[in-house]
Amino acid sequence: MKRADVLRDLAQPWNVAVHSTPDLAGSVAKAATADDKAKREKNQAPLRRKPELRPLPLKALGLSLRLTPWDVLHALGRANVLARQGAGRGLAEHWASLKYCQALTGNDGSYMALSTEGRNPRRHYAATQSGELGIGFALVLARRVLAAQYPDHSVSVIDAEIAMRAGWELTGREAGRSSAPRRPGFFLEVWKPGEPSRVIPVTCKGTHGIAAQVHKQLATASADVEGIHIGAYNETPAFVFGTTLPKKSESITLYLLHAPGDGTLVDAKDLHLDPPVEDRSIRPDIDAPTGPNEEPPVGYHVRPEECGWFGRVLAQADAAGLMAFTGGGEPTARYLTKRQGKGHFETFTHAGTGIVQDVTHIIHGRKFVGTDHVFRLNGVRVEAFSGLAESLFDHLRDGRVDQYRHEAHALRDSWPTDPWDAKWRGPVSIHPDGTVMALRRLRLR
């Protein structure tokens, strides 16, 4: 593929098939039943799963999924930016999305598919590819579903591990057990300034296999999202996503089921979001109905008295992710607790591998502040830029989370949507949170 075609292909919109049907729900329930039976035959305890996963009426929401490969990579880059992948975190975490620049294209049916390069990963790398791209596709769809359901609200995607570390020990070793309870991969926070947030746990899966493999993955995902309850027991909504990325030229397909519920952070109205949050040690069990001699199930429960604290945790974790996306370091650390990895982002990072907020660019006539990486794509040097709109960046740099949220919410529908900026000379993606990711060929000086 020629280098000019690579950049254009990243900005080319393609259709993506989405399945959310009663048949899918039935197949996932059968896969869960089969897994429970297999575990009992091995004298293992079956997984606790989210009951009554249901299809989502996408047509009623007026949703059809059409997006560019660059949209997917932007969503993946935002999701992984706090992953703490070693001392070279800037390059490593951004590369989690940039390494897929040539992995996605379209097929003859106008649907998105894996490119020739994307269909040929090394065997040990295939699971990583399907898992990471599955996250990107799922989070794009999740954001659009919630924007359609709650058009007067904003939607943030938050790394569940980062948020939950402020309240719980998340590994068996930390908690003094052989294994830790299952947990979701992300939280979707539906929010509006001055109102309590609604929180939806999410797990995203991906496979190069057939739909039957997705059914098994979603059955497992239903146990992940059941691991945390918010507010009253069994009233927490959830999404589970599966993505098939066929190794032939067939179309990529997303599968989605949801569990109904409220998920509102009760008594968390008009929170003051600027002060740092504190680590807590929350009891590691769920307030579920039990028999007279039964112990409560082990897991994570945000009880009503902790909802205000958890609302601040989510807002600050969201701010940390935004700052890490623009350059990391001290501006990121200020929004994290010790257990969430504050020290990791305070340490010195080598200039050749880390990122710093030292770049400004005009994209579609708007000024963004952030960081860049230069690497080779088909032998040609290209520049990747990730940033945040300048006024929003200023708020978070100075610790003004409340002001960021008020302004970001007001601007959420105003961002340009053209996936190509002629003056920038490359593909661009701007999200409603004010973040941008852009790529172009680097000019020789």
Protein backbone atom coordinates (compact mmCIF):
# COMPACT_ATOMS: atom_id res chain seq x y z
CA MET A 1 0.00 0.00 0.00
CA LYS A 2 1.37 3.41 -0.93
CA ARG A 3 1.99 5.80 1.91
CA ALA A 4 -0.60 8.34 0.61
CA ASP A 5 -3.17 5.53 0.44
CA VAL A 6 -2.44 4.58 4.07
CA LEU A 7 -3.31 8.06 5.34
CA ARG A 8 -6.40 8.35 3.14
CA ASP A 9 -7.57 4.88 4.13
CA LEU A 10 -7.44 5.86 7.81
CA ALA A 11 -9.91 8.66 7.09
CA GLN A 12 -12.25 6.58 4.91
CA PRO A 13 -15.63 5.87 6.56
CA TRP A 14 -16.83 2.27 6.42
CA ASN A 15 -19.89 0.47 7.70
CA VAL A 16 -19.57 -1.93 10.63
CA ALA A 17 -22.22 -4.58 11.23
CA VAL A 18 -23.72 -4.68 14.73
CA HIS A 19 -25.73 -7.63 16.06
CA SER A 20 -27.90 -7.33 19.17
CA THR A 21 -30.73 -9.83 18.89
CA PRO A 22 -32.79 -12.27 20.96
CA ASP A 23 -30.97 -15.11 19.18
CA LEU A 24 -27.63 -13.70 20.38
CA ALA A 25 -28.92 -13.47 23.95
CA GLY A 26 -30.13 -17.07 23.74
CA SER A 27 -26.81 -18.31 22.37
CA VAL A 28 -24.88 -16.55 25.13
CA ALA A 29 -27.20 -18.03 27.78
CA LYS A 30 -26.58 -21.51 26.33
CA ALA A 31 -22.82 -20.92 26.38
CA ALA A 32 -23.03 -19.88 30.04
CA THR A 33 -25.07 -22.99 30.91
CA ALA A 34 -22.53 -25.22 29.17
CA ASP A 35 -19.66 -23.52 31.00
CA ASP A 36 -21.42 -23.92 34.36
CA LYS A 37 -21.93 -27.63 33.67
CA ALA A 38 -18.28 -28.12 32.72
CA LYS A 39 -17.12 -26.41 35.91
CA ARG A 40 -19.38 -28.53 38.10
CA GLU A 41 -18.02 -31.68 36.48
CA LYS A 42 -14.55 -30.50 37.53
CA ASN A 43 -15.77 -29.69 41.05
CA GLN A 44 -15.33 -25.98 40.38
CA ALA A 45 -17.76 -23.26 41.36
CA PRO A 46 -19.71 -21.74 38.45
CA LEU A 47 -19.20 -18.06 37.76
CA ARG A 48 -21.63 -15.48 39.11
CA ARG A 49 -23.02 -13.78 36.02
CA LYS A 50 -25.13 -10.75 35.23
CA PRO A 51 -28.69 -12.11 34.94
CA GLU A 52 -30.92 -11.46 31.95
CA LEU A 53 -28.56 -10.07 29.35
CA ARG A 54 -30.79 -8.60 26.64
CA PRO A 55 -30.53 -7.24 23.11
CA LEU A 56 -30.45 -3.49 22.69
CA PRO A 57 -32.99 -2.00 20.22
CA LEU A 58 -30.42 -0.28 17.99
CA LYS A 59 -32.92 0.50 15.22
CA ALA A 60 -35.21 2.21 17.72
CA LEU A 61 -32.24 4.42 18.63
CA GLY A 62 -31.70 5.22 14.95
CA LEU A 63 -28.19 3.79 15.16
CA SER A 64 -26.12 2.44 12.31
CA LEU A 65 -22.38 2.25 12.79
CA ARG A 66 -20.26 4.00 10.19
CA LEU A 67 -16.78 5.05 11.22
CA THR A 68 -13.21 5.44 10.07
CA PRO A 69 -10.26 3.28 11.12
CA TRP A 70 -8.80 6.42 12.72
CA ASP A 71 -11.93 6.70 14.94
CA VAL A 72 -11.19 3.21 16.24
CA LEU A 73 -7.52 3.98 16.92
CA HIS A 74 -8.43 7.21 18.73
CA ALA A 75 -10.84 5.32 21.01
CA LEU A 76 -8.20 2.66 21.70
CA GLY A 77 -5.52 5.27 22.39
CA ARG A 78 -7.69 7.03 24.94
CA ALA A 79 -8.65 3.74 26.60
CA ASN A 80 -5.07 2.52 27.08
CA VAL A 81 -3.26 5.70 27.97
CA LEU A 82 -3.11 4.95 31.72
CA ALA A 83 -2.05 1.33 31.24
CA ARG A 84 1.40 1.90 32.82
CA GLN A 85 3.40 -0.17 30.33
CA GLY A 86 6.85 0.48 31.75
CA ALA A 87 9.36 3.31 31.73
CA GLY A 88 8.74 4.02 28.05
CA ARG A 89 5.10 4.65 28.79
CA GLY A 90 4.62 7.50 26.31
CA LEU A 91 5.64 5.53 23.28
CA ALA A 92 4.35 2.18 24.57
CA GLU A 93 0.86 3.34 25.43
CA HIS A 94 0.34 5.46 22.34
CA TRP A 95 1.78 2.68 20.21
CA ALA A 96 -1.03 0.42 21.44
CA SER A 97 -3.18 2.20 18.85
CA LEU A 98 -0.60 3.54 16.37
CA LYS A 99 0.73 0.04 15.62
CA TYR A 100 -2.60 -0.65 13.88
CA CYS A 101 -2.30 2.16 11.33
CA GLN A 102 -2.28 -0.37 8.47
CA ALA A 103 -4.49 -3.07 10.01
CA LEU A 104 -7.95 -1.84 8.96
CA THR A 105 -9.48 -1.16 5.56
CA GLY A 106 -12.73 -1.77 3.67
CA ASN A 107 -13.92 -4.67 1.56
CA ASP A 108 -15.92 -4.79 -1.66
CA GLY A 109 -19.17 -4.60 0.27
CA SER A 110 -18.34 -1.17 1.79
CA TYR A 111 -17.84 -2.75 5.23
CA MET A 112 -14.74 -2.49 7.40
CA ALA A 113 -12.40 -5.48 7.43
CA LEU A 114 -8.86 -6.39 8.34
CA SER A 115 -6.32 -5.39 5.71
CA THR A 116 -3.82 -7.84 4.26
CA GLU A 117 -1.34 -6.76 6.94
CA GLY A 118 -3.97 -6.97 9.67
CA ARG A 119 -4.88 -10.55 8.69
CA ASN A 120 -1.33 -11.81 9.16
CA PRO A 121 -0.19 -11.23 12.75
CA ARG A 122 2.26 -13.60 14.35
CA ARG A 123 0.52 -16.38 16.21
CA HIS A 124 1.42 -15.07 19.70
CA TYR A 125 0.24 -11.60 18.70
CA ALA A 126 -3.18 -12.51 17.26
CA ALA A 127 -4.95 -12.54 20.66
CA THR A 128 -3.50 -9.14 21.52
CA GLN A 129 -4.63 -7.71 18.21
CA SER A 130 -8.21 -8.98 18.48
CA GLY A 131 -8.46 -7.91 22.12
CA GLU A 132 -7.16 -4.39 21.57
CA LEU A 133 -9.06 -3.68 18.37
CA GLY A 134 -12.15 -5.14 20.05
CA ILE A 135 -11.80 -2.46 22.73
CA GLY A 136 -11.56 0.29 20.12
CA PHE A 137 -14.64 -0.82 18.19
CA ALA A 138 -16.70 -1.46 21.32
CA LEU A 139 -16.00 1.92 22.91
CA VAL A 140 -16.87 3.82 19.73
CA LEU A 141 -20.21 2.00 19.62
CA ALA A 142 -20.79 2.39 23.37
CA ARG A 143 -20.29 6.12 23.20
CA ARG A 144 -22.73 6.44 20.31
CA VAL A 145 -25.35 4.26 21.98
CA LEU A 146 -25.29 6.36 25.14
CA ALA A 147 -25.24 9.65 23.22
CA ALA A 148 -28.44 8.49 21.50
CA GLN A 149 -30.03 7.38 24.77
CA TYR A 150 -28.98 10.49 26.73
CA PRO A 151 -28.60 13.30 24.17
CA ASP A 152 -28.40 16.04 26.81
CA HIS A 153 -25.56 14.33 28.69
CA SER A 154 -21.85 13.77 28.12
CA VAL A 155 -20.19 10.34 28.14
CA SER A 156 -16.75 9.51 29.55
CA VAL A 157 -14.88 6.21 29.19
CA ILE A 158 -12.83 5.40 32.30
CA ASP A 159 -10.37 2.58 32.93
CA ALA A 160 -12.10 0.48 35.59
CA GLU A 161 -8.86 -0.73 37.17
CA ILE A 162 -7.62 2.83 37.68
CA ALA A 163 -10.89 3.92 39.27
CA MET A 164 -11.34 0.84 41.46
CA ARG A 165 -7.81 0.83 42.84
CA ALA A 166 -8.77 3.87 44.92
CA GLY A 167 -11.16 1.70 46.92
CA TRP A 168 -10.20 -1.97 46.68
CA GLU A 169 -7.28 -4.39 46.40
CA LEU A 170 -7.62 -5.81 42.89
CA THR A 171 -5.35 -8.86 42.86
CA GLY A 172 -5.46 -12.04 44.89
CA ARG A 173 -1.98 -11.36 46.27
CA GLU A 174 -2.99 -7.88 47.42
CA ALA A 175 -6.17 -9.14 49.06
CA GLY A 176 -4.61 -12.25 50.58
CA ARG A 177 -6.68 -14.66 48.46
CA SER A 178 -5.87 -17.19 45.75
CA SER A 179 -7.67 -15.04 43.19
CA ALA A 180 -9.46 -11.72 42.99
CA PRO A 181 -13.12 -11.19 42.07
CA ARG A 182 -13.83 -10.54 38.41
CA ARG A 183 -14.29 -6.94 37.35
CA PRO A 184 -15.23 -4.98 34.20
CA GLY A 185 -12.68 -3.42 31.88
CA PHE A 186 -14.20 0.07 31.76
CA PHE A 187 -16.86 2.33 33.19
CA LEU A 188 -19.05 4.46 30.99
CA GLU A 189 -19.98 7.57 32.97
CA VAL A 190 -23.04 9.42 31.70
CA TRP A 191 -22.89 12.85 33.25
CA LYS A 192 -24.20 16.41 33.20
CA PRO A 193 -22.88 19.23 35.39
CA GLY A 194 -24.93 19.58 38.57
CA GLU A 195 -26.54 16.13 38.29
CA PRO A 196 -25.53 12.74 39.71
CA SER A 197 -23.76 10.54 37.17
CA ARG A 198 -25.03 7.25 35.85
CA VAL A 199 -22.35 4.53 35.67
CA ILE A 200 -22.39 1.49 33.37
CA PRO A 201 -19.74 -1.25 33.76
CA VAL A 202 -18.44 -2.53 30.40
CA THR A 203 -16.38 -5.50 29.23
CA CYS A 204 -15.04 -5.69 25.66
CA LYS A 205 -13.90 -8.92 23.99
CA GLY A 206 -12.48 -9.69 20.55
CA THR A 207 -11.65 -12.77 18.50
CA HIS A 208 -10.45 -13.86 15.08
CA GLY A 209 -12.83 -16.79 15.40
CA ILE A 210 -16.47 -17.36 14.55
CA ALA A 211 -19.62 -16.17 16.29
CA ALA A 212 -19.69 -19.24 18.55
CA GLN A 213 -16.45 -18.03 20.13
CA VAL A 214 -18.07 -14.65 20.77
CA HIS A 215 -20.93 -16.39 22.57
CA LYS A 216 -18.44 -17.97 24.98
CA GLN A 217 -16.61 -14.67 25.44
CA LEU A 218 -19.82 -12.78 26.24
CA ALA A 219 -20.81 -15.47 28.74
CA THR A 220 -17.51 -14.80 30.52
CA ALA A 221 -17.95 -11.04 30.14
CA SER A 222 -21.29 -11.30 31.96
CA ALA A 223 -19.31 -12.47 35.01
CA ASP A 224 -16.92 -9.51 34.70
CA VAL A 225 -19.70 -6.90 34.82
CA GLU A 226 -21.48 -8.76 37.64
CA GLY A 227 -18.36 -8.22 39.78
CA ILE A 228 -19.37 -4.68 40.78
CA HIS A 229 -22.66 -3.28 42.04
CA ILE A 230 -23.41 0.44 42.29
CA GLY A 231 -26.08 1.61 44.70
CA ALA A 232 -28.78 -0.96 45.42
CA TYR A 233 -27.95 -4.61 44.77
CA ASN A 234 -28.72 -5.93 41.28
CA GLU A 235 -29.75 -2.53 39.90
CA THR A 236 -26.52 -1.81 38.01
CA PRO A 237 -26.74 -1.70 34.20
CA ALA A 238 -24.01 -3.22 32.05
CA PHE A 239 -22.79 -3.62 28.47
CA VAL A 240 -20.89 -6.60 27.09
CA PHE A 241 -19.30 -6.39 23.65
CA GLY A 242 -17.71 -8.95 21.38
CA THR A 243 -15.98 -8.27 18.07
CA THR A 244 -15.10 -10.75 15.34
CA LEU A 245 -12.17 -9.84 13.10
CA PRO A 246 -12.09 -12.57 10.43
CA LYS A 247 -8.69 -13.46 9.00
CA LYS A 248 -10.20 -13.56 5.52
CA SER A 249 -11.73 -10.52 3.84
CA GLU A 250 -15.09 -10.87 5.61
CA SER A 251 -16.50 -7.87 7.43
CA ILE A 252 -15.75 -7.04 11.04
CA THR A 253 -18.84 -7.57 13.20
CA LEU A 254 -19.74 -6.25 16.65
CA TYR A 255 -22.00 -8.11 19.07
CA LEU A 256 -23.70 -6.28 21.94
CA LEU A 257 -25.92 -7.23 24.86
CA HIS A 258 -26.92 -5.18 27.87
CA ALA A 259 -28.35 -5.61 31.33
CA PRO A 260 -30.97 -3.06 32.41
CA GLY A 261 -30.56 -1.05 35.57
CA ASP A 262 -30.17 2.41 37.02
CA GLY A 263 -26.52 2.85 38.04
CA THR A 264 -27.07 6.37 39.36
CA LEU A 265 -24.65 7.61 42.00
CA VAL A 266 -27.28 8.53 44.57
CA ASP A 267 -26.64 11.58 46.74
CA ALA A 268 -23.87 12.67 44.36
CA LYS A 269 -25.46 15.85 43.01
CA ASP A 270 -23.44 19.07 42.71
CA LEU A 271 -20.17 17.40 43.66
CA HIS A 272 -17.11 19.60 43.98
CA LEU A 273 -14.66 17.75 41.72
CA ASP A 274 -11.44 19.76 42.12
CA PRO A 275 -10.02 18.53 45.47
CA PRO A 276 -7.87 15.36 45.30
CA VAL A 277 -9.59 12.11 46.26
CA GLU A 278 -8.32 9.79 48.97
CA ASP A 279 -7.71 6.06 48.86
CA ARG A 280 -10.22 4.03 50.85
CA SER A 281 -10.39 0.42 52.04
CA ILE A 282 -13.89 -0.70 51.13
CA ARG A 283 -15.24 -4.02 52.37
CA PRO A 284 -14.63 -6.56 49.56
CA ASP A 285 -18.07 -8.11 49.37
CA ILE A 286 -21.47 -7.43 47.85
CA ASP A 287 -24.62 -6.69 49.85
CA ALA A 288 -26.62 -9.50 48.24
CA PRO A 289 -29.50 -11.45 49.81
CA THR A 290 -28.07 -14.52 51.55
CA GLY A 291 -29.35 -17.46 53.53
CA PRO A 292 -28.84 -17.74 57.30
CA ASN A 293 -25.53 -19.60 56.99
CA GLU A 294 -24.26 -18.03 53.76
CA GLU A 295 -21.44 -15.56 53.40
CA PRO A 296 -22.04 -12.55 51.13
CA PRO A 297 -20.47 -12.96 47.68
CA VAL A 298 -16.97 -11.59 47.29
CA GLY A 299 -16.86 -8.60 44.97
CA TYR A 300 -17.04 -4.85 44.74
CA HIS A 301 -19.96 -2.74 45.93
CA VAL A 302 -20.26 1.05 45.77
CA ARG A 303 -22.74 1.53 48.56
CA PRO A 304 -24.94 4.64 48.77
CA GLU A 305 -22.69 6.29 51.35
CA GLU A 306 -19.73 5.93 48.97
CA CYS A 307 -21.43 7.24 45.82
CA GLY A 308 -20.25 10.84 46.27
CA TRP A 309 -16.66 9.70 46.76
CA PHE A 310 -16.88 7.37 43.76
CA GLY A 311 -18.27 10.16 41.59
CA ARG A 312 -15.19 12.23 42.37
CA VAL A 313 -12.93 9.22 41.73
CA LEU A 314 -14.44 8.79 38.25
CA ALA A 315 -14.14 12.48 37.36
CA GLN A 316 -10.52 12.63 38.51
CA ALA A 317 -9.61 9.36 36.74
CA ASP A 318 -11.16 10.80 33.59
CA ALA A 319 -9.05 13.95 34.04
CA ALA A 320 -5.92 11.81 34.54
CA GLY A 321 -6.62 9.99 31.28
CA LEU A 322 -7.10 13.26 29.43
CA MET A 323 -3.82 14.65 30.76
CA ALA A 324 -1.95 11.44 29.97
CA PHE A 325 -3.30 11.60 26.41
CA THR A 326 -1.80 15.08 26.05
CA GLY A 327 1.58 14.32 27.59
CA GLY A 328 1.51 12.63 30.98
CA GLY A 329 3.77 13.43 33.92
CA GLU A 330 2.89 15.76 36.77
CA PRO A 331 -0.44 16.97 35.29
CA THR A 332 -1.55 13.34 35.20
CA ALA A 333 -0.21 12.47 38.65
CA ARG A 334 -2.20 15.25 40.34
CA TYR A 335 -5.43 13.38 39.53
CA LEU A 336 -4.34 9.97 40.82
CA THR A 337 -4.00 8.49 44.30
CA LYS A 338 -1.02 6.50 45.50
CA ARG A 339 -2.72 3.18 44.82
CA GLN A 340 -3.82 4.34 41.38
CA GLY A 341 -0.20 4.93 40.36
CA LYS A 342 0.48 8.54 41.22
CA GLY A 343 4.19 7.81 41.77
CA HIS A 344 4.51 6.19 38.35
CA PHE A 345 3.58 9.44 36.62
CA GLU A 346 5.68 11.61 38.93
CA THR A 347 8.94 9.84 38.05
CA PHE A 348 11.33 11.12 35.43
CA THR A 349 10.81 9.69 31.96
CA HIS A 350 13.60 9.54 29.39
CA ALA A 351 13.04 12.07 26.63
CA GLY A 352 13.42 9.45 23.92
CA THR A 353 10.58 7.28 25.19
CA GLY A 354 8.33 9.52 27.25
CA ILE A 355 5.91 12.25 26.27
CA VAL A 356 5.63 15.86 27.26
CA GLN A 357 2.96 18.49 26.64
CA ASP A 358 5.10 20.65 24.39
CA VAL A 359 3.25 20.80 21.05
CA THR A 360 0.37 22.93 19.80
CA HIS A 361 -1.38 22.47 16.47
CA ILE A 362 -4.37 23.98 14.69
CA ILE A 363 -6.75 21.23 13.59
CA HIS A 364 -9.89 22.22 11.67
CA GLY A 365 -9.36 25.78 12.86
CA ARG A 366 -9.20 24.84 16.57
CA LYS A 367 -6.07 25.05 18.74
CA PHE A 368 -5.00 21.90 20.55
CA VAL A 369 -2.22 21.28 23.09
CA GLY A 370 -0.56 17.90 23.40
CA THR A 371 2.29 15.67 22.36
CA ASP A 372 3.59 14.01 19.23
CA HIS A 373 5.47 10.92 18.13
CA VAL A 374 7.49 10.54 14.96
CA PHE A 375 7.83 7.07 13.48
CA ARG A 376 8.13 5.35 10.12
CA LEU A 377 5.12 4.14 8.17
CA ASN A 378 6.06 2.21 5.02
CA GLY A 379 9.54 3.67 5.33
CA VAL A 380 8.34 7.28 5.47
CA ARG A 381 8.50 9.42 8.59
CA VAL A 382 5.09 10.43 9.91
CA GLU A 383 3.96 12.54 12.86
CA ALA A 384 1.17 11.43 15.19
CA PHE A 385 -0.35 14.12 17.42
CA SER A 386 -2.64 13.59 20.42
CA GLY A 387 -4.01 16.55 22.31
CA LEU A 388 -6.83 18.43 23.98
CA ALA A 389 -8.48 21.71 23.02
CA GLU A 390 -6.42 24.54 24.51
CA SER A 391 -9.08 26.04 26.78
CA LEU A 392 -10.01 22.60 28.17
CA PHE A 393 -6.34 21.74 28.61
CA ASP A 394 -5.77 24.94 30.59
CA HIS A 395 -8.54 23.99 33.04
CA LEU A 396 -7.12 20.53 33.75
CA ARG A 397 -3.51 21.69 33.85
CA ASP A 398 -4.51 24.07 36.64
CA GLY A 399 -6.67 21.56 38.53
CA ARG A 400 -10.07 22.91 37.46
CA VAL A 401 -12.03 19.70 36.85
CA ASP A 402 -15.38 21.38 37.48
CA GLN A 403 -14.69 24.06 34.88
CA TYR A 404 -13.40 21.49 32.41
CA ARG A 405 -16.62 19.51 32.73
CA HIS A 406 -18.88 22.55 32.36
CA GLU A 407 -17.07 23.76 29.24
CA ALA A 408 -16.57 20.31 27.69
CA HIS A 409 -20.26 19.57 28.16
CA ALA A 410 -21.26 22.84 26.48
CA LEU A 411 -18.93 22.14 23.53
CA ARG A 412 -19.70 18.43 23.11
CA ASP A 413 -21.74 18.82 19.88
CA SER A 414 -19.67 21.64 18.35
CA TRP A 415 -16.51 19.81 17.23
CA PRO A 416 -15.73 19.41 13.50
CA THR A 417 -16.47 15.93 12.19
CA ASP A 418 -14.57 15.89 8.87
CA PRO A 419 -12.09 12.96 9.13
CA TRP A 420 -9.54 14.74 6.90
CA ASP A 421 -7.95 18.17 7.47
CA ALA A 422 -6.44 19.50 4.24
CA LYS A 423 -4.27 22.06 6.04
CA TRP A 424 -2.99 19.43 8.44
CA ARG A 425 -2.65 17.04 5.46
CA GLY A 426 -3.89 13.92 7.15
CA PRO A 427 -6.61 12.02 9.03
CA VAL A 428 -8.02 13.54 12.20
CA SER A 429 -10.47 12.42 14.87
CA ILE A 430 -12.01 14.80 17.43
CA HIS A 431 -14.06 13.34 20.26
CA PRO A 432 -16.83 15.12 22.20
CA ASP A 433 -14.48 15.34 25.22
CA GLY A 434 -12.27 17.76 23.23
CA THR A 435 -9.46 15.31 22.49
CA VAL A 436 -7.90 15.03 19.05
CA MET A 437 -5.70 12.45 17.36
CA ALA A 438 -4.11 13.31 14.01
CA LEU A 439 -1.52 11.84 11.64
CA ARG A 440 0.43 13.29 8.71
CA ARG A 441 3.59 12.80 6.70
CA LEU A 442 6.46 14.69 8.26
CA ARG A 443 7.86 17.38 6.01
CA LEU A 444 11.61 17.62 5.66
CA ARG A 445 13.06 20.94 6.76
